[in-house]
Structures are given as C-alpha cells and as structure tokens.
C-alpha cells in the first residue's frame, strides 16, 4: 500500500537545525509492526524555508540518512544540494520531465525500514528551517511487518 508521508504525519518529528551544522530536521520513525520500502528513484518533494518564509540557501546540503534503533549515528542514504529544490516550485517538482535531480538514489535499488527504524532529512545550512513555513512529501510502500497478537 502506498503511503504519503509529510511534515504533519504522526510518525514525523521536527527538530530545528543548528546553523552551519549538519542536523536532522525531519525524522520519520517507522511504527511498530510495519515496514516502509523506498525504491531507487522515488521522489522527495520539499520546500524548506526560514521563519520569514524565505527559502534556505541554495548551497545548503541535504542528506537523507537511515538509522536502526540501536545505532548512535545515522548512515548516509543520499545527499544533494538544496539548489535542485530551490530552482523548481512545488508543482514543477511533481513533473516527471523536471524532477530527475530530486529523486533518491539508492545504490542497492531499495531501502527497507522496519519497525522503529528511522529515516532523516538532515540539513547543513546557514538558515534555520522553520516548521510552519516548510513542506516535504515522500511516498513509501507500507506493509505489515509482523502480525499483531
């Protein structure tokens, strides 16, 4: 089953980033008894803005990373400059003819995240990402991971 996850989803936690330090801003934690699958070239749409509503610096680094519950640090999944997002408005980001640079590159073709694993969108920017003015959307495949008792 396809599931759209965005900044308002209950499994997403927002943390303001520290300027000029790579910081997790949005953390998606997989609920118990569920598995999320992300496929190579799945689309991550986003607009990240500061408290004044201005988009963050185009040279900001965006890192998509995964983490198991016992791990202390996240592991790199993909990274890109925010410039790819800043040059397209949100409706253009959904256009298959324009969004190749916004797609997640997975070396192994897919990423399976099981219960309590997390996926983070980390930002290294001189600007602080403001929750109220920012948006992201990622579609994942959601499956039951294990039966409930």
N, C-alpha and C. Protein backbone atom coordinates (compact mmCIF):
# COMPACT_ATOMS: atom_id res chain seq x y z
N UNK A 1 0.84 -1.17 0.00
CA UNK A 1 0.00 0.00 0.00
C UNK A 1 0.89 1.24 0.00
N UNK A 2 0.59 2.20 -0.84
CA UNK A 2 1.34 3.46 -0.90
C UNK A 2 0.91 4.37 0.25
N UNK A 3 1.89 5.02 0.86
CA UNK A 3 1.63 5.93 1.97
C UNK A 3 2.40 7.22 1.72
N UNK A 4 1.69 8.34 1.73
CA UNK A 4 2.33 9.65 1.61
C UNK A 4 2.68 10.15 3.00
N UNK A 5 3.94 10.46 3.20
CA UNK A 5 4.41 10.98 4.48
C UNK A 5 4.84 12.42 4.26
N UNK A 6 4.40 13.31 5.17
CA UNK A 6 4.85 14.70 5.11
C UNK A 6 5.13 15.20 6.52
N UNK A 7 5.46 16.47 6.63
CA UNK A 7 5.87 17.04 7.92
C UNK A 7 4.78 16.97 8.98
N UNK A 8 3.52 16.79 8.58
CA UNK A 8 2.40 16.73 9.53
C UNK A 8 2.03 15.31 9.94
N UNK A 9 2.66 14.31 9.33
CA UNK A 9 2.35 12.91 9.64
C UNK A 9 2.74 12.60 11.09
N UNK A 10 1.96 11.72 11.77
CA UNK A 10 2.24 11.44 13.18
C UNK A 10 3.60 10.77 13.43
N UNK A 11 4.16 10.09 12.45
CA UNK A 11 5.44 9.41 12.64
C UNK A 11 6.64 10.33 12.36
N UNK A 12 6.37 11.62 12.11
CA UNK A 12 7.44 12.57 11.80
C UNK A 12 7.68 13.49 12.98
N UNK A 13 8.96 13.65 13.31
CA UNK A 13 9.37 14.57 14.38
C UNK A 13 10.22 15.67 13.74
N UNK A 14 9.93 16.92 14.11
CA UNK A 14 10.68 18.07 13.62
C UNK A 14 11.64 18.55 14.70
N UNK A 15 12.86 18.87 14.30
CA UNK A 15 13.85 19.46 15.19
C UNK A 15 14.50 20.62 14.43
N UNK A 16 14.51 21.83 14.98
CA UNK A 16 15.17 22.93 14.28
C UNK A 16 16.66 22.63 14.10
N UNK A 17 17.17 22.93 12.92
CA UNK A 17 18.59 22.67 12.68
C UNK A 17 19.47 23.74 13.32
N UNK A 18 20.70 23.36 13.61
CA UNK A 18 21.72 24.28 14.09
C UNK A 18 22.38 24.88 12.85
N UNK A 19 22.44 26.21 12.74
CA UNK A 19 23.04 26.80 11.55
C UNK A 19 24.47 26.31 11.31
N UNK A 20 24.77 26.00 10.05
CA UNK A 20 26.09 25.57 9.60
C UNK A 20 26.60 24.28 10.22
N UNK A 21 25.67 23.46 10.72
CA UNK A 21 26.00 22.14 11.25
C UNK A 21 24.99 21.16 10.65
N UNK A 22 25.46 20.00 10.16
CA UNK A 22 24.54 19.00 9.64
C UNK A 22 23.66 18.49 10.78
N UNK A 23 22.37 18.76 10.68
CA UNK A 23 21.43 18.48 11.76
C UNK A 23 20.19 17.79 11.22
N UNK A 24 19.71 16.73 11.90
CA UNK A 24 18.42 16.14 11.49
C UNK A 24 17.29 17.15 11.72
N UNK A 25 16.49 17.41 10.69
CA UNK A 25 15.37 18.35 10.80
C UNK A 25 14.06 17.58 10.86
N UNK A 26 13.88 16.64 9.94
CA UNK A 26 12.68 15.80 9.94
C UNK A 26 13.11 14.34 10.11
N UNK A 27 12.55 13.68 11.13
CA UNK A 27 12.85 12.27 11.38
C UNK A 27 11.55 11.48 11.26
N UNK A 28 11.56 10.52 10.34
CA UNK A 28 10.41 9.63 10.14
C UNK A 28 10.73 8.34 10.86
N UNK A 29 9.94 7.98 11.86
CA UNK A 29 10.15 6.73 12.59
C UNK A 29 9.06 5.74 12.19
N UNK A 30 9.48 4.57 11.77
CA UNK A 30 8.54 3.55 11.31
C UNK A 30 7.77 3.00 12.51
N UNK A 31 6.44 2.98 12.45
CA UNK A 31 5.65 2.45 13.57
C UNK A 31 5.90 0.95 13.78
N UNK A 32 5.53 0.45 14.95
CA UNK A 32 5.67 -0.98 15.24
C UNK A 32 4.83 -1.80 14.27
N UNK A 33 5.33 -2.99 13.96
CA UNK A 33 4.65 -3.99 13.13
C UNK A 33 4.47 -3.55 11.67
N UNK A 34 5.28 -2.59 11.23
CA UNK A 34 5.18 -2.05 9.87
C UNK A 34 6.56 -2.01 9.23
N UNK A 35 6.57 -2.11 7.89
CA UNK A 35 7.81 -1.92 7.12
C UNK A 35 7.54 -0.89 6.05
N UNK A 36 8.46 0.06 5.90
CA UNK A 36 8.42 1.02 4.81
C UNK A 36 9.50 0.63 3.81
N UNK A 37 9.17 0.68 2.54
CA UNK A 37 10.14 0.43 1.48
C UNK A 37 10.22 1.65 0.58
N UNK A 38 11.45 2.09 0.37
CA UNK A 38 11.73 3.17 -0.56
C UNK A 38 12.51 2.56 -1.72
N UNK A 39 12.08 2.85 -2.91
CA UNK A 39 12.74 2.30 -4.11
C UNK A 39 13.66 3.35 -4.72
N UNK A 40 14.69 2.86 -5.43
CA UNK A 40 15.59 3.76 -6.14
C UNK A 40 14.77 4.67 -7.05
N UNK A 41 15.10 5.93 -7.04
CA UNK A 41 14.46 6.98 -7.85
C UNK A 41 13.08 7.39 -7.35
N UNK A 42 12.71 7.02 -6.11
CA UNK A 42 11.49 7.57 -5.52
C UNK A 42 11.69 9.07 -5.32
N UNK A 43 10.60 9.81 -5.38
CA UNK A 43 10.63 11.26 -5.37
C UNK A 43 10.49 11.83 -3.96
N UNK A 44 11.39 12.75 -3.60
CA UNK A 44 11.28 13.52 -2.37
C UNK A 44 11.02 14.97 -2.78
N UNK A 45 9.82 15.46 -2.49
CA UNK A 45 9.43 16.83 -2.81
C UNK A 45 9.59 17.65 -1.55
N UNK A 46 10.14 18.87 -1.67
CA UNK A 46 10.21 19.72 -0.47
C UNK A 46 10.49 21.17 -0.80
N UNK A 47 10.04 22.01 0.10
CA UNK A 47 10.38 23.42 0.15
C UNK A 47 10.73 23.70 1.60
N UNK A 48 11.96 24.12 1.83
CA UNK A 48 12.42 24.41 3.19
C UNK A 48 12.65 25.90 3.31
N UNK A 49 11.96 26.52 4.27
CA UNK A 49 12.01 27.97 4.43
C UNK A 49 12.35 28.34 5.87
N UNK A 50 12.82 29.58 6.05
CA UNK A 50 13.12 30.08 7.39
C UNK A 50 11.86 30.71 7.99
N UNK A 51 11.99 31.30 9.17
CA UNK A 51 10.84 31.86 9.88
C UNK A 51 10.20 33.02 9.13
N UNK A 52 10.95 33.69 8.25
CA UNK A 52 10.41 34.79 7.45
C UNK A 52 9.75 34.32 6.16
N UNK A 53 9.77 32.99 5.90
CA UNK A 53 9.17 32.45 4.70
C UNK A 53 10.09 32.42 3.50
N UNK A 54 11.37 32.77 3.70
CA UNK A 54 12.34 32.73 2.61
C UNK A 54 12.96 31.34 2.53
N UNK A 55 13.14 30.85 1.31
CA UNK A 55 13.77 29.53 1.16
C UNK A 55 15.20 29.58 1.67
N UNK A 56 15.65 28.43 2.18
CA UNK A 56 17.01 28.35 2.69
C UNK A 56 18.01 28.50 1.54
N UNK A 57 19.24 28.76 1.89
CA UNK A 57 20.32 28.98 0.93
C UNK A 57 20.43 27.82 -0.06
N UNK A 58 20.61 28.14 -1.34
CA UNK A 58 20.69 27.13 -2.39
C UNK A 58 21.88 26.19 -2.21
N UNK A 59 22.93 26.66 -1.55
CA UNK A 59 24.13 25.83 -1.34
C UNK A 59 24.03 24.94 -0.10
N UNK A 60 22.90 24.97 0.57
CA UNK A 60 22.70 24.11 1.74
C UNK A 60 22.79 22.65 1.32
N UNK A 61 23.38 21.83 2.18
CA UNK A 61 23.46 20.39 1.92
C UNK A 61 22.26 19.69 2.52
N UNK A 62 21.67 18.80 1.74
CA UNK A 62 20.54 17.98 2.19
C UNK A 62 21.05 16.54 2.21
N UNK A 63 20.90 15.88 3.34
CA UNK A 63 21.33 14.49 3.48
C UNK A 63 20.14 13.66 3.92
N UNK A 64 19.90 12.58 3.19
CA UNK A 64 18.87 11.62 3.58
C UNK A 64 19.65 10.47 4.21
N UNK A 65 19.27 10.10 5.44
CA UNK A 65 20.04 9.10 6.18
C UNK A 65 19.09 8.16 6.91
N UNK A 66 19.56 6.94 7.16
CA UNK A 66 18.77 5.94 7.88
C UNK A 66 19.44 5.56 9.18
N UNK A 67 18.65 5.02 10.09
CA UNK A 67 19.19 4.63 11.40
C UNK A 67 18.37 3.50 12.00
N UNK A 68 19.08 2.50 12.51
CA UNK A 68 18.42 1.44 13.28
C UNK A 68 18.28 1.92 14.72
N UNK A 69 17.37 1.34 15.49
CA UNK A 69 17.15 1.82 16.86
C UNK A 69 18.41 1.81 17.73
N UNK A 70 19.29 0.83 17.55
CA UNK A 70 20.47 0.72 18.42
C UNK A 70 21.64 1.59 17.95
N UNK A 71 21.59 2.09 16.74
CA UNK A 71 22.70 2.87 16.21
C UNK A 71 22.76 4.25 16.83
N UNK A 72 23.98 4.72 17.06
CA UNK A 72 24.16 6.06 17.60
C UNK A 72 24.10 7.12 16.51
N UNK A 73 24.59 6.78 15.32
CA UNK A 73 24.63 7.75 14.23
C UNK A 73 23.85 7.22 13.03
N UNK A 74 23.38 8.16 12.23
CA UNK A 74 22.69 7.79 11.00
C UNK A 74 23.70 7.36 9.94
N UNK A 75 23.21 6.62 8.95
CA UNK A 75 24.04 6.21 7.82
C UNK A 75 23.50 6.85 6.55
N UNK A 76 24.40 7.36 5.74
CA UNK A 76 24.04 8.07 4.52
C UNK A 76 23.23 7.19 3.57
N UNK A 77 22.14 7.73 3.07
CA UNK A 77 21.34 7.08 2.03
C UNK A 77 21.57 7.84 0.72
N UNK A 78 21.47 9.17 0.75
CA UNK A 78 21.67 10.01 -0.43
C UNK A 78 21.93 11.44 0.05
N UNK A 79 22.53 12.24 -0.80
CA UNK A 79 22.74 13.65 -0.47
C UNK A 79 22.68 14.49 -1.73
N UNK A 80 22.33 15.76 -1.56
CA UNK A 80 22.26 16.69 -2.68
C UNK A 80 22.27 18.12 -2.15
N UNK A 81 22.51 19.05 -3.03
CA UNK A 81 22.42 20.47 -2.68
C UNK A 81 20.94 20.88 -2.73
N UNK A 82 20.57 21.84 -1.89
CA UNK A 82 19.20 22.33 -1.89
C UNK A 82 18.86 23.05 -3.21
N UNK A 83 19.88 23.48 -3.94
CA UNK A 83 19.67 24.19 -5.21
C UNK A 83 18.69 23.46 -6.13
N UNK A 84 18.76 22.13 -6.15
CA UNK A 84 17.87 21.34 -7.01
C UNK A 84 16.40 21.60 -6.66
N UNK A 85 16.11 21.83 -5.38
CA UNK A 85 14.73 22.10 -4.93
C UNK A 85 14.36 23.56 -5.14
N UNK A 86 15.32 24.45 -4.89
CA UNK A 86 15.04 25.88 -4.94
C UNK A 86 14.71 26.35 -6.36
N UNK A 87 15.24 25.68 -7.36
CA UNK A 87 15.01 26.11 -8.74
C UNK A 87 13.63 25.71 -9.27
N UNK A 88 12.93 24.81 -8.58
CA UNK A 88 11.61 24.36 -9.02
C UNK A 88 10.55 24.67 -7.97
N UNK A 89 9.39 25.21 -8.40
CA UNK A 89 8.32 25.36 -7.42
C UNK A 89 7.71 23.98 -7.16
N UNK A 90 6.86 23.88 -6.17
CA UNK A 90 6.35 22.56 -5.76
C UNK A 90 5.63 21.84 -6.91
N UNK A 91 4.82 22.55 -7.68
CA UNK A 91 4.12 21.86 -8.78
C UNK A 91 5.11 21.34 -9.82
N UNK A 92 6.20 22.06 -10.08
CA UNK A 92 7.22 21.58 -11.01
C UNK A 92 7.96 20.37 -10.46
N UNK A 93 8.08 20.29 -9.13
CA UNK A 93 8.77 19.16 -8.52
C UNK A 93 8.03 17.84 -8.78
N UNK A 94 6.75 17.90 -9.02
CA UNK A 94 5.97 16.69 -9.32
C UNK A 94 6.03 16.33 -10.81
N UNK A 95 6.56 17.20 -11.64
CA UNK A 95 6.62 16.99 -13.08
C UNK A 95 7.75 16.02 -13.42
N UNK A 96 7.41 14.86 -13.94
CA UNK A 96 8.40 13.81 -14.25
C UNK A 96 9.45 14.28 -15.24
N UNK A 97 9.15 15.30 -16.04
CA UNK A 97 10.12 15.82 -17.00
C UNK A 97 11.14 16.74 -16.36
N UNK A 98 10.89 17.17 -15.12
CA UNK A 98 11.76 18.16 -14.48
C UNK A 98 12.43 17.66 -13.19
N UNK A 99 11.94 16.57 -12.61
CA UNK A 99 12.33 16.24 -11.23
C UNK A 99 13.42 15.17 -11.08
N UNK A 100 14.17 14.86 -12.11
CA UNK A 100 15.19 13.80 -12.01
C UNK A 100 16.19 14.07 -10.89
N UNK A 101 16.58 15.33 -10.68
CA UNK A 101 17.58 15.65 -9.66
C UNK A 101 17.03 15.56 -8.23
N UNK A 102 15.71 15.44 -8.09
CA UNK A 102 15.08 15.38 -6.76
C UNK A 102 14.85 13.94 -6.30
N UNK A 103 15.12 12.99 -7.16
CA UNK A 103 14.84 11.59 -6.85
C UNK A 103 15.96 11.00 -6.00
N UNK A 104 15.57 10.12 -5.08
CA UNK A 104 16.53 9.49 -4.16
C UNK A 104 17.30 8.40 -4.90
N UNK A 105 18.62 8.47 -4.81
CA UNK A 105 19.48 7.48 -5.45
C UNK A 105 19.88 6.42 -4.43
N UNK A 106 19.45 5.19 -4.68
CA UNK A 106 19.76 4.08 -3.79
C UNK A 106 20.65 3.08 -4.53
N UNK A 107 21.87 2.92 -4.06
CA UNK A 107 22.84 2.06 -4.73
C UNK A 107 22.35 0.61 -4.84
N UNK A 108 21.63 0.14 -3.85
CA UNK A 108 21.16 -1.25 -3.86
C UNK A 108 19.75 -1.42 -4.40
N UNK A 109 19.17 -0.34 -4.93
CA UNK A 109 17.87 -0.44 -5.59
C UNK A 109 16.66 -0.24 -4.69
N UNK A 110 16.82 -0.48 -3.40
CA UNK A 110 15.70 -0.30 -2.47
C UNK A 110 16.24 -0.16 -1.05
N UNK A 111 15.41 0.43 -0.20
CA UNK A 111 15.75 0.56 1.22
C UNK A 111 14.53 0.12 2.00
N UNK A 112 14.71 -0.92 2.83
CA UNK A 112 13.64 -1.40 3.70
C UNK A 112 13.90 -0.91 5.11
N UNK A 113 12.92 -0.25 5.66
CA UNK A 113 12.99 0.24 7.04
C UNK A 113 11.91 -0.49 7.83
N UNK A 114 12.33 -1.27 8.82
CA UNK A 114 11.34 -2.00 9.62
C UNK A 114 11.02 -1.22 10.89
N UNK A 115 10.08 -1.75 11.65
CA UNK A 115 9.58 -1.05 12.84
C UNK A 115 10.70 -0.42 13.66
N UNK A 116 10.48 0.83 14.03
CA UNK A 116 11.35 1.64 14.87
C UNK A 116 12.64 2.10 14.20
N UNK A 117 12.88 1.70 12.93
CA UNK A 117 13.97 2.30 12.17
C UNK A 117 13.52 3.71 11.80
N UNK A 118 14.49 4.56 11.46
CA UNK A 118 14.11 5.92 11.09
C UNK A 118 14.84 6.37 9.83
N UNK A 119 14.23 7.32 9.17
CA UNK A 119 14.80 7.98 8.01
C UNK A 119 14.79 9.47 8.33
N UNK A 120 15.94 10.12 8.13
CA UNK A 120 16.01 11.54 8.46
C UNK A 120 16.34 12.38 7.24
N UNK A 121 15.79 13.58 7.25
CA UNK A 121 16.20 14.62 6.30
C UNK A 121 17.06 15.57 7.12
N UNK A 122 18.37 15.56 6.84
CA UNK A 122 19.32 16.38 7.58
C UNK A 122 19.71 17.57 6.72
N UNK A 123 19.96 18.69 7.38
CA UNK A 123 20.26 19.93 6.67
C UNK A 123 21.51 20.58 7.25
N UNK A 124 22.40 21.03 6.37
CA UNK A 124 23.53 21.86 6.76
C UNK A 124 23.36 23.17 6.00
N UNK A 125 22.91 24.20 6.72
CA UNK A 125 22.56 25.47 6.10
C UNK A 125 22.85 26.62 7.06
N UNK A 126 23.16 27.80 6.53
CA UNK A 126 23.28 28.96 7.42
C UNK A 126 21.92 29.41 7.95
N UNK A 127 20.84 28.90 7.33
CA UNK A 127 19.48 29.27 7.72
C UNK A 127 18.84 28.18 8.57
N UNK A 128 17.97 28.59 9.50
CA UNK A 128 17.24 27.63 10.32
C UNK A 128 15.92 27.31 9.63
N UNK A 129 15.65 26.02 9.42
CA UNK A 129 14.41 25.58 8.79
C UNK A 129 13.27 25.76 9.77
N UNK A 130 12.22 26.47 9.34
CA UNK A 130 11.06 26.73 10.18
C UNK A 130 9.95 25.74 9.83
N UNK A 131 9.41 25.09 10.85
CA UNK A 131 8.38 24.07 10.64
C UNK A 131 7.14 24.63 9.94
N UNK A 132 6.66 25.77 10.39
CA UNK A 132 5.41 26.35 9.87
C UNK A 132 5.50 26.73 8.40
N UNK A 133 6.69 27.08 7.93
CA UNK A 133 6.86 27.55 6.56
C UNK A 133 7.45 26.51 5.62
N UNK A 134 7.68 25.30 6.11
CA UNK A 134 8.35 24.29 5.30
C UNK A 134 7.43 23.11 5.00
N UNK A 135 7.83 22.36 3.99
CA UNK A 135 7.00 21.26 3.49
C UNK A 135 7.90 20.19 2.91
N UNK A 136 7.55 18.92 3.14
CA UNK A 136 8.16 17.83 2.39
C UNK A 136 7.14 16.74 2.20
N UNK A 137 7.35 15.92 1.18
CA UNK A 137 6.46 14.78 0.94
C UNK A 137 7.28 13.64 0.33
N UNK A 138 7.10 12.47 0.89
CA UNK A 138 7.76 11.26 0.42
C UNK A 138 6.74 10.14 0.40
N UNK A 139 6.63 9.45 -0.72
CA UNK A 139 5.73 8.31 -0.81
C UNK A 139 6.53 7.04 -0.58
N UNK A 140 6.05 6.20 0.33
CA UNK A 140 6.71 4.92 0.62
C UNK A 140 5.71 3.79 0.42
N UNK A 141 6.22 2.59 0.25
CA UNK A 141 5.36 1.40 0.27
C UNK A 141 5.28 0.97 1.73
N UNK A 142 4.08 0.78 2.23
CA UNK A 142 3.87 0.37 3.61
C UNK A 142 3.31 -1.05 3.62
N UNK A 143 3.95 -1.94 4.39
CA UNK A 143 3.46 -3.30 4.53
C UNK A 143 3.44 -3.69 6.02
N UNK A 144 2.57 -4.63 6.34
CA UNK A 144 2.58 -5.20 7.68
C UNK A 144 3.86 -6.01 7.82
N UNK A 145 4.60 -5.75 8.87
CA UNK A 145 5.88 -6.43 9.07
C UNK A 145 5.72 -7.72 9.87
N UNK A 146 4.85 -7.71 10.85
CA UNK A 146 4.58 -8.91 11.63
C UNK A 146 3.16 -8.82 12.16
N UNK A 147 2.57 -9.95 12.37
CA UNK A 147 1.18 -9.98 12.83
C UNK A 147 1.03 -9.51 14.26
N UNK A 148 -0.06 -8.84 14.52
CA UNK A 148 -0.40 -8.46 15.89
C UNK A 148 -0.91 -9.69 16.63
N UNK A 149 -0.72 -9.74 17.91
CA UNK A 149 -1.17 -10.88 18.70
C UNK A 149 -2.61 -10.73 19.08
